[in-house]
Amino acid sequence: MIKIIHHRPGRYAPPLFCDTCGKRITDAGLAAAVTVGHPIPEGESSEVLHVHKGECHDAVDRRLGRQAGWDELSRPLLHLIYNVDLSPEKLIDHREADVECGMFRVPNDAEV
């Protein structure tokens, strides 16, 4: 799940937290986007859970009672960026502006 952290006066950032353990996901390569309704019928949608690979992912599979559809977190995040029309150029512009005002990344020890 995405939460907003107020990490210093006037500065907010949206890190991603595991829907199983509640801890912060800091590496997209070590996390998964799990499709709750799998397979998804054409033209339909499904909720997605964001979890750490390994124990958290296994716990979601047990909770759902089956092997759910999933992809490494980096892929759906990339697709989301494209689907909301954030070109690489726009991303660079936003990043530069956010770095200047200290909003780009929340410290790893931030907890909510």
Protein backbone atom coordinates (compact mmCIF):
# COMPACT_ATOMS: atom_id res chain seq x y z
CA MET A 1 0.00 0.00 0.00
CA ILE A 2 1.08 3.55 -0.57
CA LYS A 3 1.16 5.91 2.40
CA ILE A 4 2.23 9.51 2.69
CA ILE A 5 4.95 10.25 5.24
CA HIS A 6 5.52 13.74 6.62
CA HIS A 7 9.26 13.34 7.06
CA ARG A 8 10.17 16.96 7.90
CA PRO A 9 8.32 20.29 8.07
CA GLY A 10 6.45 20.81 4.82
CA ARG A 11 7.99 17.74 3.16
CA TYR A 12 5.93 14.68 2.30
CA ALA A 13 6.83 11.52 0.40
CA PRO A 14 4.88 8.42 -0.66
CA PRO A 15 6.82 5.20 0.06
CA LEU A 16 5.32 1.77 -0.62
CA PHE A 17 4.58 -0.64 2.22
CA CYS A 18 4.07 -4.41 2.11
CA ASP A 19 0.41 -5.42 2.33
CA THR A 20 1.44 -8.53 4.31
CA CYS A 21 3.99 -7.43 6.93
CA GLY A 22 3.46 -3.66 6.81
CA LYS A 23 7.19 -2.92 6.44
CA ARG A 24 8.51 -0.57 3.80
CA ILE A 25 9.38 -1.93 0.34
CA THR A 26 12.71 -0.39 -0.61
CA ASP A 27 13.75 -2.57 -3.58
CA ALA A 28 11.31 -3.25 -6.43
CA GLY A 29 13.41 -6.25 -7.46
CA LEU A 30 12.71 -7.90 -4.11
CA ALA A 31 8.96 -7.26 -4.19
CA ALA A 32 5.94 -8.42 -6.15
CA ALA A 33 2.61 -7.06 -7.34
CA VAL A 34 0.10 -9.87 -6.69
CA THR A 35 -3.16 -9.97 -8.61
CA VAL A 36 -6.00 -10.76 -6.20
CA GLY A 37 -8.48 -11.93 -8.86
CA HIS A 38 -6.50 -14.23 -11.13
CA PRO A 39 -7.01 -14.82 -13.95
CA ILE A 40 -8.65 -11.50 -14.82
CA PRO A 41 -11.40 -11.78 -17.44
CA GLU A 42 -10.87 -9.58 -20.48
CA GLY A 43 -12.17 -6.06 -19.86
CA GLU A 44 -12.29 -6.58 -16.08
CA SER A 45 -9.95 -5.41 -13.32
CA SER A 46 -8.51 -6.75 -10.08
CA GLU A 47 -7.08 -5.36 -6.89
CA VAL A 48 -3.33 -5.72 -6.49
CA LEU A 49 -1.35 -6.40 -3.34
CA HIS A 50 2.25 -5.17 -3.04
CA VAL A 51 4.41 -7.57 -1.05
CA HIS A 52 7.99 -8.62 -0.37
CA LYS A 53 9.02 -11.73 -2.30
CA GLY A 54 9.46 -14.86 -0.21
CA GLU A 55 7.56 -15.21 3.07
CA CYS A 56 5.18 -12.28 2.48
CA HIS A 57 4.33 -13.47 -1.03
CA ASP A 58 3.85 -17.04 0.24
CA ALA A 59 1.50 -15.74 2.97
CA VAL A 60 -0.64 -13.97 0.34
CA ASP A 61 -0.87 -17.18 -1.70
CA ARG A 62 -1.98 -19.09 1.42
CA ARG A 63 -4.51 -16.38 2.31
CA LEU A 64 -5.97 -16.37 -1.21
CA GLY A 65 -6.02 -20.17 -1.20
CA ARG A 66 -4.20 -20.53 -4.49
CA GLN A 67 -1.21 -19.42 -6.53
CA ALA A 68 -2.18 -15.87 -7.50
CA GLY A 69 -0.93 -14.06 -10.56
CA TRP A 70 2.06 -11.82 -9.91
CA ASP A 71 4.88 -9.87 -11.48
CA GLU A 72 8.06 -8.34 -10.10
CA LEU A 73 7.06 -4.95 -8.72
CA SER A 74 9.25 -3.02 -11.16
CA ARG A 75 7.10 -4.06 -14.16
CA PRO A 76 3.68 -2.80 -12.99
CA LEU A 77 5.28 0.38 -11.62
CA LEU A 78 6.82 1.02 -15.02
CA HIS A 79 3.48 0.32 -16.75
CA LEU A 80 1.71 2.65 -14.32
CA ILE A 81 4.14 5.45 -15.18
CA TYR A 82 3.47 4.98 -18.89
CA ASN A 83 -0.31 4.67 -18.36
CA VAL A 84 -0.48 8.09 -16.70
CA ASP A 85 1.65 9.68 -19.43
CA LEU A 86 4.79 10.33 -17.43
CA SER A 87 7.48 10.33 -20.11
CA PRO A 88 11.14 9.90 -19.15
CA GLU A 89 11.58 13.64 -19.76
CA LYS A 90 8.69 14.50 -17.41
CA LEU A 91 10.10 12.15 -14.78
CA ILE A 92 13.51 13.82 -14.96
CA ASP A 93 11.94 17.27 -14.66
CA HIS A 94 9.86 16.20 -11.64
CA ARG A 95 12.82 14.48 -10.01
CA GLU A 96 15.07 17.51 -10.37
CA ALA A 97 12.41 19.78 -8.85
CA ASP A 98 11.72 17.36 -6.00
CA VAL A 99 15.41 16.83 -5.20
CA GLU A 100 15.89 20.59 -4.98
CA CYS A 101 13.18 20.92 -2.35
CA GLY A 102 14.10 17.70 -0.50
CA MET A 103 11.02 15.68 -1.40
CA PHE A 104 12.44 12.92 -3.55
CA ARG A 105 13.11 10.13 -1.07
CA VAL A 106 12.09 9.35 2.47
CA PRO A 107 14.90 8.08 4.71
CA ASN A 108 14.91 4.26 4.95
CA ASP A 109 14.28 4.30 8.70
CA ALA A 110 10.96 6.15 8.37
CA GLU A 111 8.08 4.10 9.73
CA VAL A 112 4.37 4.76 9.73
